Amino acid sequence: MTAPIITTAPSVLSRVEGPGAIPQADTLEHLFTLALWLGGGAFLISVLLPFVIKPLLARWGVIDIPSDRSSHDRPVIRGMGLAVAVAIVVMHALALALGVVEVDRSVSLIVLAMIVASAALGWLEDYRGVSVGTRLGVQLLIGALVRAP
């Protein structure tokens, strides 16, 4: 019987003494495996999802028409960051659900909420447009809420 590819590591973080401590080789191997599988999964989803999202965005009219300040000279579809955001949220939620990352789940849920809130702000900016001041205020609010004890 072979070992599962991604497993929980009940004592991975407990073997790291503190900031600046050098983790043991098996801890590094476990973290590298997690990064490879979870990062690779997020990459794969973010590469494939645009083929689904792009036609939807075109149908919804989420198109940027160039102006004098634009860096492009023809209309382009906005909102493709949605594919990357969905990929990150899916893989983060999967890691949380499977328990493959040893961390307090409340911390992980806060990180997940921050990712979703930031992605929602980006989507709103692409879909309807948000003033610079409003965007800055919401970003500061997201950061403050995540930082709050």
Protein backbone atom coordinates (compact mmCIF):
# COMPACT_ATOMS: atom_id res chain seq x y z
CA MET A 1 0.00 0.00 0.00
CA THR A 2 1.35 3.41 -0.95
CA ALA A 3 1.16 6.52 1.19
CA PRO A 4 -1.29 9.25 0.17
CA ILE A 5 0.20 12.15 -1.76
CA ILE A 6 -1.01 14.87 0.61
CA THR A 7 -1.29 13.94 4.24
CA THR A 8 -1.72 15.83 7.43
CA ALA A 9 1.40 16.46 9.43
CA PRO A 10 0.29 16.51 13.05
CA SER A 11 3.67 17.53 14.41
CA VAL A 12 5.28 19.46 11.54
CA LEU A 13 5.12 22.88 13.14
CA SER A 14 5.71 21.60 16.65
CA ARG A 15 9.26 20.61 15.64
CA VAL A 16 10.14 24.17 14.63
CA GLU A 17 11.35 25.88 17.79
CA GLY A 18 10.59 29.50 16.89
CA PRO A 19 11.43 32.36 14.55
CA GLY A 20 14.75 31.77 12.85
CA ALA A 21 14.88 28.09 13.80
CA ILE A 22 16.00 25.72 11.07
CA PRO A 23 13.30 23.12 10.42
CA GLN A 24 14.20 19.45 10.16
CA ALA A 25 14.56 17.84 6.73
CA ASP A 26 11.27 15.93 6.93
CA THR A 27 9.44 19.14 7.85
CA LEU A 28 10.93 20.91 4.84
CA GLU A 29 10.06 17.96 2.61
CA HIS A 30 6.45 18.03 3.82
CA LEU A 31 6.15 21.79 3.27
CA PHE A 32 7.70 21.46 -0.20
CA THR A 33 5.22 18.70 -1.08
CA LEU A 34 2.32 20.86 0.11
CA ALA A 35 3.57 23.83 -1.90
CA LEU A 36 4.02 21.68 -4.98
CA TRP A 37 0.57 20.06 -4.88
CA LEU A 38 -1.48 23.00 -3.63
CA GLY A 39 0.42 25.59 -5.67
CA GLY A 40 0.37 23.34 -8.70
CA GLY A 41 -3.37 22.82 -8.30
CA ALA A 42 -3.97 26.57 -8.05
CA PHE A 43 -1.80 27.14 -11.11
CA LEU A 44 -3.63 24.50 -13.13
CA ILE A 45 -7.05 25.88 -12.18
CA SER A 46 -5.96 29.45 -12.95
CA VAL A 47 -4.67 28.37 -16.38
CA LEU A 48 -7.81 26.42 -17.33
CA LEU A 49 -10.51 28.62 -15.80
CA PRO A 50 -10.04 31.56 -18.23
CA PHE A 51 -11.42 29.36 -21.00
CA VAL A 52 -14.69 29.28 -19.03
CA ILE A 53 -14.62 32.82 -17.64
CA LYS A 54 -13.60 34.78 -20.75
CA PRO A 55 -16.77 34.01 -22.76
CA LEU A 56 -18.93 34.88 -19.74
CA LEU A 57 -17.16 38.22 -19.25
CA ALA A 58 -17.57 39.02 -22.96
CA ARG A 59 -21.29 38.16 -22.76
CA TRP A 60 -21.68 40.37 -19.67
CA GLY A 61 -19.90 43.24 -21.43
CA VAL A 62 -17.00 43.51 -18.98
CA ILE A 63 -14.82 45.16 -21.60
CA ASP A 64 -12.32 47.99 -21.23
CA ILE A 65 -12.56 50.47 -24.09
CA PRO A 66 -9.18 52.21 -24.56
CA SER A 67 -8.79 55.91 -23.85
CA ASP A 68 -5.86 58.34 -23.98
CA ARG A 69 -4.56 57.01 -20.65
CA SER A 70 -4.87 53.32 -21.58
CA SER A 71 -1.88 51.08 -22.18
CA HIS A 72 -3.78 49.17 -24.88
CA ASP A 73 -5.14 50.35 -28.21
CA ARG A 74 -8.05 47.94 -28.68
CA PRO A 75 -10.87 46.77 -26.39
CA VAL A 76 -9.85 44.08 -23.89
CA ILE A 77 -11.83 41.92 -21.51
CA ARG A 78 -11.58 42.92 -17.87
CA GLY A 79 -12.04 40.63 -14.88
CA MET A 80 -9.66 37.80 -15.75
CA GLY A 81 -8.19 38.06 -12.25
CA LEU A 82 -11.35 36.23 -11.25
CA ALA A 83 -9.78 32.99 -12.52
CA VAL A 84 -6.74 33.38 -10.28
CA ALA A 85 -8.85 34.41 -7.29
CA VAL A 86 -11.13 31.40 -7.68
CA ALA A 87 -8.11 29.08 -8.01
CA ILE A 88 -6.52 30.42 -4.83
CA VAL A 89 -9.78 30.26 -2.87
CA VAL A 90 -10.52 26.71 -4.05
CA MET A 91 -7.07 25.40 -3.14
CA HIS A 92 -7.01 27.27 0.18
CA ALA A 93 -10.44 25.89 1.08
CA LEU A 94 -9.34 22.41 -0.01
CA ALA A 95 -6.24 22.59 2.19
CA LEU A 96 -8.39 23.78 5.08
CA ALA A 97 -11.03 21.07 4.54
CA LEU A 98 -8.43 18.30 4.26
CA GLY A 99 -6.47 19.59 7.24
CA VAL A 100 -3.19 19.39 5.35
CA VAL A 101 -1.84 22.60 6.84
CA GLU A 102 -1.28 22.59 10.57
CA VAL A 103 -2.64 25.94 11.65
CA ASP A 104 -5.44 27.22 13.80
CA ARG A 105 -8.51 27.02 11.55
CA SER A 106 -9.68 30.45 12.68
CA VAL A 107 -6.47 31.96 11.28
CA SER A 108 -6.96 30.09 8.02
CA LEU A 109 -10.58 31.22 7.79
CA ILE A 110 -9.49 34.84 8.34
CA VAL A 111 -6.96 34.52 5.53
CA LEU A 112 -9.64 32.99 3.31
CA ALA A 113 -12.04 35.84 4.14
CA MET A 114 -9.33 38.40 3.31
CA ILE A 115 -8.69 36.73 -0.05
CA VAL A 116 -12.41 36.70 -0.88
CA ALA A 117 -12.88 40.34 0.18
CA SER A 118 -9.88 41.50 -1.86
CA ALA A 119 -11.04 39.49 -4.88
CA ALA A 120 -14.56 40.91 -4.54
CA LEU A 121 -13.16 44.44 -4.53
CA GLY A 122 -11.10 43.65 -7.64
CA TRP A 123 -14.17 42.21 -9.37
CA LEU A 124 -16.26 45.24 -8.45
CA GLU A 125 -13.55 47.50 -9.86
CA ASP A 126 -13.47 45.55 -13.12
CA TYR A 127 -17.25 45.23 -13.44
CA ARG A 128 -18.52 48.66 -12.40
CA GLY A 129 -15.48 50.76 -11.57
CA VAL A 130 -14.53 52.02 -8.11
CA SER A 131 -12.96 55.37 -7.37
CA VAL A 132 -9.38 55.41 -6.16
CA GLY A 133 -10.41 56.81 -2.78
CA THR A 134 -13.08 54.17 -2.24
CA ARG A 135 -10.73 51.39 -3.30
CA LEU A 136 -8.03 52.65 -0.94
CA GLY A 137 -10.51 52.92 1.92
CA VAL A 138 -11.85 49.39 1.40
CA GLN A 139 -8.32 47.98 1.13
CA LEU A 140 -7.35 49.72 4.37
CA LEU A 141 -10.53 48.39 6.00
CA ILE A 142 -9.75 44.82 4.88
CA GLY A 143 -6.24 45.13 6.26
CA ALA A 144 -7.44 46.66 9.53
CA LEU A 145 -10.10 43.97 10.05
CA VAL A 146 -7.58 41.20 9.41
CA ARG A 147 -5.05 42.84 11.72
CA ALA A 148 -7.57 43.41 14.53
CA PRO A 149 -7.11 41.09 17.54
